[in-house]
């Protein structure tokens, strides 16, 4: 959204902007996916933040075909992820403040090899090759289970 766009949108303006019906917007509100503010004459209006969230709802529901309970779950997981990310950034800031900005060099020396996740899930594509000079250990041969 650009600075030239309105601060708030009526349900009809929001629907037009996102190319959905006003009934769809009301359904998303009724489902609790978007919480509008109260505008003039107690009419619901959507702030820019609400519009960003509504755009996510429309994308997940209409464009990706996720049902509304699934959209709710995706949004909730995204919010939890963002909270964990903020908490981690705060933790890193505290660690660097208390132990010094070179703490990571002391905790992870340069000559220590980088770990690799050696997880294989049946039915998935092979993982990308490791960077040159940093080869992960070879996988053990598969055991024959027919005995």
N, C-alpha and C. Protein backbone atom coordinates (compact mmCIF):
# COMPACT_ATOMS: atom_id res chain seq x y z
N UNK A 1 0.84 -1.18 0.00
CA UNK A 1 0.00 0.00 0.00
C UNK A 1 0.89 1.24 0.00
N UNK A 2 0.51 2.20 -0.76
CA UNK A 2 1.33 3.39 -0.86
C UNK A 2 0.78 4.48 0.05
N UNK A 3 1.57 5.53 0.19
CA UNK A 3 1.19 6.64 1.05
C UNK A 3 0.00 7.41 0.49
N UNK A 4 -0.29 7.27 -0.79
CA UNK A 4 -1.41 8.01 -1.39
C UNK A 4 -2.75 7.31 -1.15
N UNK A 5 -2.72 6.09 -0.64
CA UNK A 5 -3.97 5.37 -0.40
C UNK A 5 -4.60 5.85 0.90
N UNK A 6 -5.91 5.67 1.03
CA UNK A 6 -6.61 6.17 2.22
C UNK A 6 -6.15 5.48 3.49
N UNK A 7 -6.36 6.15 4.62
CA UNK A 7 -6.03 5.57 5.92
C UNK A 7 -7.02 4.48 6.30
N UNK A 8 -8.29 4.65 5.90
CA UNK A 8 -9.30 3.65 6.21
C UNK A 8 -10.14 3.36 4.96
N UNK A 9 -10.73 2.18 4.94
CA UNK A 9 -11.55 1.73 3.83
C UNK A 9 -12.89 1.27 4.38
N UNK A 10 -13.96 1.58 3.67
CA UNK A 10 -15.24 0.97 3.99
C UNK A 10 -15.19 -0.47 3.51
N UNK A 11 -16.14 -1.28 3.91
CA UNK A 11 -16.16 -2.66 3.46
C UNK A 11 -16.28 -2.74 1.94
N UNK A 12 -17.07 -1.84 1.37
CA UNK A 12 -17.25 -1.84 -0.08
C UNK A 12 -15.96 -1.45 -0.79
N UNK A 13 -15.26 -0.43 -0.26
CA UNK A 13 -13.98 -0.03 -0.86
C UNK A 13 -12.95 -1.16 -0.75
N UNK A 14 -12.93 -1.82 0.39
CA UNK A 14 -12.00 -2.94 0.59
C UNK A 14 -12.29 -4.05 -0.40
N UNK A 15 -13.57 -4.37 -0.55
CA UNK A 15 -13.97 -5.43 -1.48
C UNK A 15 -13.56 -5.08 -2.91
N UNK A 16 -13.82 -3.86 -3.31
CA UNK A 16 -13.47 -3.43 -4.66
C UNK A 16 -11.96 -3.47 -4.87
N UNK A 17 -11.21 -3.00 -3.88
CA UNK A 17 -9.76 -2.97 -3.98
C UNK A 17 -9.17 -4.37 -4.13
N UNK A 18 -9.78 -5.36 -3.46
CA UNK A 18 -9.25 -6.72 -3.48
C UNK A 18 -9.99 -7.64 -4.46
N UNK A 19 -10.92 -7.04 -5.21
CA UNK A 19 -11.67 -7.77 -6.22
C UNK A 19 -12.42 -8.97 -5.65
N UNK A 20 -13.10 -8.73 -4.52
CA UNK A 20 -14.00 -9.71 -3.93
C UNK A 20 -15.32 -9.00 -3.65
N UNK A 21 -16.33 -9.74 -3.26
CA UNK A 21 -17.61 -9.09 -2.96
C UNK A 21 -17.61 -8.56 -1.53
N UNK A 22 -18.48 -7.60 -1.27
CA UNK A 22 -18.62 -7.08 0.09
C UNK A 22 -19.11 -8.19 1.02
N UNK A 23 -19.91 -9.12 0.49
CA UNK A 23 -20.36 -10.25 1.29
C UNK A 23 -19.18 -11.13 1.71
N UNK A 24 -18.21 -11.29 0.82
CA UNK A 24 -17.01 -12.05 1.18
C UNK A 24 -16.28 -11.37 2.33
N UNK A 25 -16.13 -10.04 2.25
CA UNK A 25 -15.45 -9.30 3.31
C UNK A 25 -16.22 -9.47 4.62
N UNK A 26 -17.54 -9.38 4.57
CA UNK A 26 -18.35 -9.58 5.78
C UNK A 26 -18.17 -11.00 6.33
N UNK A 27 -18.09 -11.98 5.46
CA UNK A 27 -17.88 -13.37 5.89
C UNK A 27 -16.54 -13.51 6.60
N UNK A 28 -15.50 -12.86 6.07
CA UNK A 28 -14.18 -12.92 6.71
C UNK A 28 -14.24 -12.24 8.09
N UNK A 29 -15.00 -11.16 8.19
CA UNK A 29 -15.15 -10.48 9.47
C UNK A 29 -15.94 -11.36 10.43
N UNK A 30 -17.04 -11.96 9.96
CA UNK A 30 -17.86 -12.83 10.81
C UNK A 30 -17.06 -14.04 11.29
N UNK A 31 -16.15 -14.50 10.47
CA UNK A 31 -15.32 -15.65 10.83
C UNK A 31 -14.22 -15.26 11.82
N UNK A 32 -14.04 -13.95 12.05
CA UNK A 32 -13.02 -13.48 12.98
C UNK A 32 -11.64 -13.36 12.38
N UNK A 33 -11.56 -13.39 11.06
CA UNK A 33 -10.25 -13.31 10.40
C UNK A 33 -9.74 -11.88 10.30
N UNK A 34 -10.66 -10.93 10.32
CA UNK A 34 -10.32 -9.50 10.27
C UNK A 34 -11.23 -8.80 11.27
N UNK A 35 -10.66 -7.87 12.02
CA UNK A 35 -11.44 -7.13 13.02
C UNK A 35 -11.47 -5.65 12.62
N UNK A 36 -12.56 -5.20 12.03
CA UNK A 36 -12.62 -3.79 11.59
C UNK A 36 -12.76 -2.85 12.78
N UNK A 37 -12.43 -1.60 12.53
CA UNK A 37 -12.63 -0.53 13.51
C UNK A 37 -14.01 0.06 13.27
N UNK A 38 -14.48 0.86 14.21
CA UNK A 38 -15.76 1.55 14.03
C UNK A 38 -15.49 2.94 13.48
N UNK A 39 -16.11 3.24 12.36
CA UNK A 39 -15.96 4.55 11.73
C UNK A 39 -17.14 5.44 12.08
N UNK A 40 -17.38 6.41 11.22
CA UNK A 40 -18.50 7.32 11.41
C UNK A 40 -19.81 6.56 11.41
N UNK A 41 -20.73 6.98 12.24
CA UNK A 41 -22.06 6.38 12.35
C UNK A 41 -21.98 4.88 12.63
N UNK A 42 -20.94 4.48 13.39
CA UNK A 42 -20.74 3.08 13.77
C UNK A 42 -20.63 2.11 12.60
N UNK A 43 -20.23 2.61 11.43
CA UNK A 43 -20.00 1.75 10.27
C UNK A 43 -18.59 1.18 10.37
N UNK A 44 -18.44 -0.11 10.08
CA UNK A 44 -17.10 -0.71 10.15
C UNK A 44 -16.19 -0.16 9.06
N UNK A 45 -14.96 0.11 9.43
CA UNK A 45 -13.93 0.53 8.48
C UNK A 45 -12.68 -0.30 8.72
N UNK A 46 -11.88 -0.43 7.69
CA UNK A 46 -10.66 -1.22 7.77
C UNK A 46 -9.46 -0.30 7.64
N UNK A 47 -8.55 -0.40 8.59
CA UNK A 47 -7.31 0.37 8.55
C UNK A 47 -6.36 -0.26 7.53
N UNK A 48 -5.24 0.39 7.28
CA UNK A 48 -4.24 -0.17 6.37
C UNK A 48 -3.76 -1.53 6.87
N UNK A 49 -3.55 -1.64 8.18
CA UNK A 49 -3.13 -2.93 8.75
C UNK A 49 -4.19 -4.00 8.53
N UNK A 50 -5.46 -3.64 8.71
CA UNK A 50 -6.55 -4.57 8.45
C UNK A 50 -6.58 -4.96 6.97
N UNK A 51 -6.30 -4.01 6.10
CA UNK A 51 -6.29 -4.29 4.67
C UNK A 51 -5.17 -5.27 4.32
N UNK A 52 -3.99 -5.13 4.93
CA UNK A 52 -2.91 -6.09 4.69
C UNK A 52 -3.33 -7.49 5.13
N UNK A 53 -3.97 -7.55 6.29
CA UNK A 53 -4.44 -8.85 6.78
C UNK A 53 -5.53 -9.41 5.86
N UNK A 54 -6.45 -8.55 5.44
CA UNK A 54 -7.51 -8.97 4.54
C UNK A 54 -6.93 -9.47 3.22
N UNK A 55 -5.90 -8.80 2.72
CA UNK A 55 -5.23 -9.25 1.51
C UNK A 55 -4.69 -10.67 1.71
N UNK A 56 -4.09 -10.94 2.88
CA UNK A 56 -3.59 -12.28 3.18
C UNK A 56 -4.73 -13.30 3.20
N UNK A 57 -5.85 -12.91 3.81
CA UNK A 57 -7.01 -13.80 3.88
C UNK A 57 -7.49 -14.14 2.47
N UNK A 58 -7.66 -13.12 1.65
CA UNK A 58 -8.14 -13.32 0.28
C UNK A 58 -7.16 -14.20 -0.50
N UNK A 59 -5.88 -13.94 -0.37
CA UNK A 59 -4.88 -14.73 -1.07
C UNK A 59 -4.94 -16.19 -0.64
N UNK A 60 -5.00 -16.43 0.65
CA UNK A 60 -5.04 -17.80 1.14
C UNK A 60 -6.34 -18.51 0.75
N UNK A 61 -7.46 -17.79 0.89
CA UNK A 61 -8.76 -18.41 0.65
C UNK A 61 -9.08 -18.54 -0.84
N UNK A 62 -9.11 -17.43 -1.53
CA UNK A 62 -9.52 -17.45 -2.94
C UNK A 62 -8.43 -17.99 -3.85
N UNK A 63 -7.23 -17.48 -3.69
CA UNK A 63 -6.17 -17.81 -4.64
C UNK A 63 -5.53 -19.17 -4.37
N UNK A 64 -5.42 -19.56 -3.09
CA UNK A 64 -4.78 -20.84 -2.78
C UNK A 64 -5.77 -21.93 -2.41
N UNK A 65 -7.04 -21.56 -2.24
CA UNK A 65 -8.08 -22.55 -1.99
C UNK A 65 -8.12 -23.11 -0.58
N UNK A 66 -7.56 -22.40 0.37
CA UNK A 66 -7.59 -22.87 1.76
C UNK A 66 -8.92 -22.47 2.37
N UNK A 67 -9.57 -23.41 3.10
CA UNK A 67 -10.85 -23.08 3.72
C UNK A 67 -10.64 -22.10 4.87
N UNK A 68 -11.72 -21.48 5.35
CA UNK A 68 -11.59 -20.41 6.34
C UNK A 68 -10.97 -20.88 7.66
N UNK A 69 -11.32 -22.07 8.19
CA UNK A 69 -10.60 -22.51 9.39
C UNK A 69 -9.10 -22.70 9.12
N UNK A 70 -8.75 -23.14 7.92
CA UNK A 70 -7.34 -23.27 7.55
C UNK A 70 -6.65 -21.93 7.45
N UNK A 71 -7.36 -20.94 6.90
CA UNK A 71 -6.81 -19.58 6.83
C UNK A 71 -6.54 -19.07 8.24
N UNK A 72 -7.48 -19.30 9.14
CA UNK A 72 -7.31 -18.88 10.53
C UNK A 72 -6.06 -19.51 11.14
N UNK A 73 -5.87 -20.81 10.88
CA UNK A 73 -4.70 -21.52 11.41
C UNK A 73 -3.41 -20.96 10.83
N UNK A 74 -3.39 -20.70 9.53
CA UNK A 74 -2.19 -20.15 8.88
C UNK A 74 -1.85 -18.79 9.48
N UNK A 75 -2.85 -17.93 9.64
CA UNK A 75 -2.60 -16.60 10.20
C UNK A 75 -2.10 -16.68 11.63
N UNK A 76 -2.68 -17.60 12.40
CA UNK A 76 -2.25 -17.77 13.79
C UNK A 76 -0.80 -18.26 13.85
N UNK A 77 -0.45 -19.22 12.98
CA UNK A 77 0.93 -19.72 12.94
C UNK A 77 1.90 -18.62 12.51
N UNK A 78 1.47 -17.80 11.55
CA UNK A 78 2.33 -16.71 11.11
C UNK A 78 2.57 -15.72 12.25
N UNK A 79 1.53 -15.41 13.01
CA UNK A 79 1.68 -14.51 14.16
C UNK A 79 2.62 -15.11 15.20
N UNK A 80 2.49 -16.43 15.46
CA UNK A 80 3.38 -17.08 16.42
C UNK A 80 4.82 -17.06 15.92
N UNK A 81 5.01 -17.30 14.64
CA UNK A 81 6.35 -17.26 14.06
C UNK A 81 6.96 -15.87 14.23
N UNK A 82 6.17 -14.84 13.93
CA UNK A 82 6.68 -13.47 14.07
C UNK A 82 7.04 -13.16 15.52
N UNK A 83 6.26 -13.67 16.47
CA UNK A 83 6.57 -13.45 17.88
C UNK A 83 7.87 -14.15 18.26
N UNK A 84 8.06 -15.38 17.80
CA UNK A 84 9.30 -16.10 18.07
C UNK A 84 10.49 -15.37 17.45
N UNK A 85 10.31 -14.87 16.22
CA UNK A 85 11.38 -14.12 15.56
C UNK A 85 11.76 -12.87 16.36
N UNK A 86 10.75 -12.15 16.85
CA UNK A 86 11.03 -10.96 17.67
C UNK A 86 11.72 -11.34 18.98
N UNK A 87 11.25 -12.42 19.60
CA UNK A 87 11.88 -12.88 20.84
C UNK A 87 13.33 -13.28 20.63
N UNK A 88 13.60 -13.96 19.51
CA UNK A 88 14.96 -14.37 19.19
C UNK A 88 15.85 -13.15 18.96
N UNK A 89 15.34 -12.15 18.25
CA UNK A 89 16.12 -10.93 18.02
C UNK A 89 16.44 -10.25 19.35
N UNK A 90 15.48 -10.23 20.27
CA UNK A 90 15.71 -9.65 21.59
C UNK A 90 16.77 -10.45 22.34
N UNK A 91 16.69 -11.77 22.27
CA UNK A 91 17.66 -12.63 22.94
C UNK A 91 19.06 -12.40 22.38
N UNK A 92 19.19 -12.31 21.07
CA UNK A 92 20.49 -12.05 20.45
C UNK A 92 21.03 -10.71 20.93
N UNK A 93 20.18 -9.70 20.98
CA UNK A 93 20.59 -8.38 21.45
C UNK A 93 21.10 -8.45 22.90
N UNK A 94 20.40 -9.17 23.75
CA UNK A 94 20.81 -9.30 25.16
C UNK A 94 22.14 -10.04 25.26
N UNK A 95 22.28 -11.15 24.52
CA UNK A 95 23.52 -11.93 24.56
C UNK A 95 24.69 -11.07 24.11
N UNK A 96 24.52 -10.32 23.01
CA UNK A 96 25.61 -9.48 22.51
C UNK A 96 25.93 -8.35 23.48
N UNK A 97 24.92 -7.80 24.12
CA UNK A 97 25.16 -6.72 25.08
C UNK A 97 25.89 -7.25 26.32
N UNK A 98 25.50 -8.42 26.80
CA UNK A 98 26.09 -8.97 28.02
C UNK A 98 27.45 -9.62 27.79
N UNK A 99 27.63 -10.28 26.65
CA UNK A 99 28.85 -11.04 26.42
C UNK A 99 29.76 -10.44 25.36
N UNK A 100 29.32 -9.37 24.71
CA UNK A 100 30.14 -8.71 23.71
C UNK A 100 29.78 -9.14 22.31
N UNK A 101 30.01 -8.24 21.34
CA UNK A 101 29.62 -8.53 19.97
C UNK A 101 30.41 -9.68 19.34
N UNK A 102 31.57 -10.04 19.92
CA UNK A 102 32.36 -11.14 19.37
C UNK A 102 31.96 -12.48 19.96
N UNK A 103 30.88 -12.53 20.71
CA UNK A 103 30.45 -13.77 21.36
C UNK A 103 30.25 -14.88 20.36
N UNK A 104 29.75 -14.56 19.18
CA UNK A 104 29.47 -15.61 18.19
C UNK A 104 30.76 -16.21 17.66
N UNK A 105 31.81 -15.40 17.55
CA UNK A 105 33.11 -15.94 17.12
C UNK A 105 33.67 -16.88 18.18
N UNK A 106 33.44 -16.55 19.45
CA UNK A 106 33.92 -17.41 20.53
C UNK A 106 33.09 -18.69 20.63
N UNK A 107 31.81 -18.60 20.35
CA UNK A 107 30.95 -19.77 20.45
C UNK A 107 31.05 -20.68 19.23
N UNK A 108 31.35 -20.08 18.08
CA UNK A 108 31.40 -20.84 16.84
C UNK A 108 32.70 -20.52 16.12
N UNK A 109 33.81 -21.17 16.54
CA UNK A 109 35.11 -20.86 15.94
C UNK A 109 35.11 -21.10 14.44
N UNK A 110 35.97 -20.36 13.76
CA UNK A 110 36.02 -20.40 12.30
C UNK A 110 36.39 -21.78 11.76
N UNK A 111 37.23 -22.53 12.48
CA UNK A 111 37.67 -23.83 11.97
C UNK A 111 36.69 -24.96 12.27
N UNK A 112 35.62 -24.66 12.96
CA UNK A 112 34.62 -25.69 13.27
C UNK A 112 33.73 -25.91 12.04
N UNK A 113 33.52 -27.17 11.63
CA UNK A 113 32.70 -27.41 10.44
C UNK A 113 31.24 -27.02 10.68
N UNK A 114 30.61 -26.58 9.62
CA UNK A 114 29.21 -26.21 9.68
C UNK A 114 28.36 -27.48 9.73
N UNK A 115 27.40 -27.56 10.64
CA UNK A 115 26.58 -28.78 10.71
C UNK A 115 25.62 -28.85 9.52
N UNK A 116 25.25 -30.04 9.16
CA UNK A 116 24.29 -30.27 8.08
C UNK A 116 23.17 -31.12 8.62
N UNK A 117 21.96 -30.80 8.23
CA UNK A 117 20.83 -31.63 8.59
C UNK A 117 20.79 -32.81 7.64
N UNK A 118 20.86 -34.01 8.18
CA UNK A 118 20.85 -35.21 7.35
C UNK A 118 19.50 -35.91 7.50
N UNK A 119 18.46 -35.20 7.20
CA UNK A 119 17.12 -35.75 7.31
C UNK A 119 16.62 -36.07 5.91
N UNK A 120 16.16 -37.29 5.74
CA UNK A 120 15.58 -37.69 4.46
C UNK A 120 14.16 -38.12 4.70
N UNK A 121 13.27 -37.61 3.92
CA UNK A 121 11.87 -37.98 4.01
C UNK A 121 11.48 -38.67 2.72
N UNK A 122 10.91 -39.86 2.85
CA UNK A 122 10.53 -40.62 1.67
C UNK A 122 9.54 -39.83 0.83
N UNK A 123 9.75 -39.81 -0.47
CA UNK A 123 8.83 -39.13 -1.37
C UNK A 123 9.19 -37.69 -1.64
N UNK A 124 10.28 -37.19 -1.08
CA UNK A 124 10.68 -35.82 -1.33
C UNK A 124 11.90 -35.82 -2.24
N UNK A 125 12.15 -34.68 -2.83
CA UNK A 125 13.30 -34.53 -3.72
C UNK A 125 14.58 -34.62 -2.90
N UNK A 126 15.64 -34.99 -3.57
CA UNK A 126 16.94 -35.04 -2.90
C UNK A 126 17.35 -33.65 -2.44
N UNK A 127 18.03 -33.54 -1.29
CA UNK A 127 18.47 -32.23 -0.83
C UNK A 127 19.52 -31.64 -1.77
N UNK A 128 19.67 -30.32 -1.77
CA UNK A 128 20.68 -29.71 -2.64
C UNK A 128 22.07 -30.14 -2.21
N UNK A 129 23.03 -30.13 -3.13
CA UNK A 129 24.38 -30.54 -2.78
C UNK A 129 25.00 -29.59 -1.75
N UNK A 130 25.89 -30.15 -0.93
CA UNK A 130 26.59 -29.35 0.08
C UNK A 130 27.58 -28.43 -0.61
N UNK A 131 27.94 -27.31 0.04
CA UNK A 131 28.94 -26.42 -0.54
C UNK A 131 30.27 -27.16 -0.72
N UNK A 132 31.06 -26.78 -1.74
CA UNK A 132 32.34 -27.44 -1.98
C UNK A 132 33.24 -27.38 -0.76
N UNK A 133 33.92 -28.51 -0.49
CA UNK A 133 34.86 -28.54 0.62
C UNK A 133 34.21 -28.74 1.98
N UNK A 134 32.92 -28.94 2.02
CA UNK A 134 32.22 -29.09 3.30
C UNK A 134 31.21 -30.22 3.15
N UNK A 135 31.74 -31.43 2.86
CA UNK A 135 30.88 -32.56 2.53
C UNK A 135 30.27 -33.16 3.79
N UNK A 136 28.95 -33.42 3.77
CA UNK A 136 28.33 -34.11 4.90
C UNK A 136 28.68 -35.58 4.87
N UNK A 137 28.53 -36.28 5.99
CA UNK A 137 28.85 -37.71 5.99
C UNK A 137 27.90 -38.46 5.05
N UNK A 138 28.41 -39.54 4.46
CA UNK A 138 27.59 -40.34 3.54
C UNK A 138 26.51 -41.06 4.32
N UNK A 139 25.38 -41.30 3.67
CA UNK A 139 24.29 -42.04 4.30
C UNK A 139 24.65 -43.52 4.35
N UNK A 140 24.30 -44.24 5.43
CA UNK A 140 24.58 -45.68 5.46
C UNK A 140 23.71 -46.38 4.42
N UNK A 141 24.17 -47.50 3.90
CA UNK A 141 23.37 -48.21 2.90
C UNK A 141 22.05 -48.67 3.53
N UNK A 142 21.01 -48.70 2.71
CA UNK A 142 19.70 -49.11 3.22
C UNK A 142 19.75 -50.60 3.51
N UNK A 143 19.12 -50.98 4.62
CA UNK A 143 19.06 -52.38 5.03
C UNK A 143 17.95 -53.10 4.28
N UNK A 144 18.18 -54.34 3.93
CA UNK A 144 17.15 -55.15 3.29
C UNK A 144 16.25 -55.68 4.40
N UNK A 145 14.96 -55.32 4.37
CA UNK A 145 14.04 -55.70 5.45
C UNK A 145 13.33 -57.02 5.16
N UNK A 146 13.56 -57.63 3.98
CA UNK A 146 12.93 -58.91 3.66
C UNK A 146 13.77 -60.02 4.23
N UNK A 147 13.32 -60.65 5.30
CA UNK A 147 14.08 -61.75 5.88
C UNK A 147 13.25 -62.98 6.03
